[in-house]
C-alpha atoms as a PDB file:
ATOM      1  CA  UNK A   1     -59.657-102.578  34.754  1.00  0.00           C
ATOM      2  CA  UNK A   2     -61.813-105.520  35.828  1.00  0.00           C
ATOM      3  CA  UNK A   3     -61.308-104.655  39.477  1.00  0.00           C
ATOM      4  CA  UNK A   4     -62.385-101.069  38.787  1.00  0.00           C
ATOM      5  CA  UNK A   5     -65.601-102.316  37.197  1.00  0.00           C
ATOM      6  CA  UNK A   6     -66.204-104.660  40.117  1.00  0.00           C
ATOM      7  CA  UNK A   7     -65.652-101.849  42.591  1.00  0.00           C
ATOM      8  CA  UNK A   8     -68.038 -99.623  40.662  1.00  0.00           C
ATOM      9  CA  UNK A   9     -70.764-102.265  40.617  1.00  0.00           C
ATOM     10  CA  UNK A  10     -70.315-103.069  44.286  1.00  0.00           C
ATOM     11  CA  UNK A  11     -70.456 -99.383  45.207  1.00  0.00           C
ATOM     12  CA  UNK A  12     -73.528 -98.437  43.199  1.00  0.00           C
ATOM     13  CA  UNK A  13     -75.204-101.829  42.869  1.00  0.00           C
ATOM     14  CA  UNK A  14     -76.832-103.271  39.816  1.00  0.00           C
ATOM     15  CA  UNK A  15     -80.264-101.847  40.638  1.00  0.00           C
ATOM     16  CA  UNK A  16     -79.265 -98.477  39.210  1.00  0.00           C
ATOM     17  CA  UNK A  17     -78.049-100.073  36.004  1.00  0.00           C
ATOM     18  CA  UNK A  18     -81.353-101.859  35.480  1.00  0.00           C
ATOM     19  CA  UNK A  19     -83.613 -98.996  36.561  1.00  0.00           C
ATOM     20  CA  UNK A  20     -84.233 -97.775  32.995  1.00  0.00           C
ATOM     21  CA  UNK A  21     -84.166-101.110  31.203  1.00  0.00           C
ATOM     22  CA  UNK A  22     -87.962-101.432  31.064  1.00  0.00           C
ATOM     23  CA  UNK A  23     -88.754 -97.953  29.732  1.00  0.00           C
ATOM     24  CA  UNK A  24     -90.160 -99.358  26.500  1.00  0.00           C
ATOM     25  CA  UNK A  25     -92.940-101.186  28.330  1.00  0.00           C
ATOM     26  CA  UNK A  26     -94.406 -98.459  30.514  1.00  0.00           C
ATOM     27  CA  UNK A  27     -96.686 -95.648  29.342  1.00  0.00           C
ATOM     28  CA  UNK A  28     -93.969 -92.958  29.183  1.00  0.00           C
ATOM     29  CA  UNK A  29     -91.812 -95.166  26.972  1.00  0.00           C
ATOM     30  CA  UNK A  30     -94.699 -95.812  24.585  1.00  0.00           C
ATOM     31  CA  UNK A  31     -95.490 -92.081  24.345  1.00  0.00           C
ATOM     32  CA  UNK A  32     -91.826 -91.264  23.715  1.00  0.00           C
ATOM     33  CA  UNK A  33     -91.523 -93.881  20.993  1.00  0.00           C
ATOM     34  CA  UNK A  34     -94.668 -92.722  19.261  1.00  0.00           C
ATOM     35  CA  UNK A  35     -93.802 -89.020  19.415  1.00  0.00           C
ATOM     36  CA  UNK A  36     -90.133 -89.153  18.411  1.00  0.00           C
ATOM     37  CA  UNK A  37     -90.627 -89.649  14.664  1.00  0.00           C
ATOM     38  CA  UNK A  38     -93.212 -86.821  14.276  1.00  0.00           C
ATOM     39  CA  UNK A  39     -90.951 -84.460  16.235  1.00  0.00           C
ATOM     40  CA  UNK A  40     -87.933 -85.367  14.085  1.00  0.00           C
ATOM     41  CA  UNK A  41     -90.023 -84.715  10.977  1.00  0.00           C
ATOM     42  CA  UNK A  42     -91.091 -81.384  12.482  1.00  0.00           C
ATOM     43  CA  UNK A  43     -87.428 -80.463  13.017  1.00  0.00           C
ATOM     44  CA  UNK A  44     -86.630 -81.497   9.459  1.00  0.00           C
ATOM     45  CA  UNK A  45     -89.333 -79.282   7.956  1.00  0.00           C
ATOM     46  CA  UNK A  46     -88.669 -76.198  10.075  1.00  0.00           C
ATOM     47  CA  UNK A  47     -85.005 -76.311   9.105  1.00  0.00           C
ATOM     48  CA  UNK A  48     -85.852 -75.190   5.546  1.00  0.00           C
ATOM     49  CA  UNK A  49     -84.917 -71.548   4.927  1.00  0.00           C
ATOM     50  CA  UNK A  50     -88.177 -70.981   3.050  1.00  0.00           C
ATOM     51  CA  UNK A  51     -90.105 -71.275   6.312  1.00  0.00           C
ATOM     52  CA  UNK A  52     -88.386 -68.116   7.601  1.00  0.00           C
ATOM     53  CA  UNK A  53     -88.018 -69.513  11.125  1.00  0.00           C
ATOM     54  CA  UNK A  54     -85.486 -67.418  13.072  1.00  0.00           C
ATOM     55  CA  UNK A  55     -82.231 -69.209  13.812  1.00  0.00           C
ATOM     56  CA  UNK A  56     -82.792 -68.877  17.548  1.00  0.00           C
ATOM     57  CA  UNK A  57     -86.225 -70.485  17.290  1.00  0.00           C
ATOM     58  CA  UNK A  58     -84.849 -73.311  15.176  1.00  0.00           C
ATOM     59  CA  UNK A  59     -82.061 -73.875  17.690  1.00  0.00           C
ATOM     60  CA  UNK A  60     -84.587 -73.818  20.542  1.00  0.00           C
ATOM     61  CA  UNK A  61     -86.724 -76.558  19.011  1.00  0.00           C
ATOM     62  CA  UNK A  62     -83.637 -78.670  18.316  1.00  0.00           C
ATOM     63  CA  UNK A  63     -82.202 -78.131  21.777  1.00  0.00           C
ATOM     64  CA  UNK A  64     -85.513 -79.109  23.366  1.00  0.00           C
ATOM     65  CA  UNK A  65     -84.935 -82.655  22.124  1.00  0.00           C
ATOM     66  CA  UNK A  66     -81.915 -82.902  24.450  1.00  0.00           C
ATOM     67  CA  UNK A  67     -84.219 -82.672  27.491  1.00  0.00           C
ATOM     68  CA  UNK A  68     -86.733 -85.215  26.207  1.00  0.00           C
END
C-alpha cells in the first residue's frame, strides 16, 4: 500500500495535491465562504411546502450547489 502511494505521488507530483490548498486566501475563496451560509439558508426556506415551490425547482436549486 505504501508503494502504491509512492508511485501515485511520483506519477502525479505533489503540485497537484497542493494546488487547491490556498483557496481560502484568494478572492474566489472569500466569496465562496461568504455566500455559502446565505445559500444554505435559502435552500432551507424554499424547502417548506407552504412556499409552493415545484419539486423540480427545489431539486434544481439544491443540485446547483454540487457545481459550486
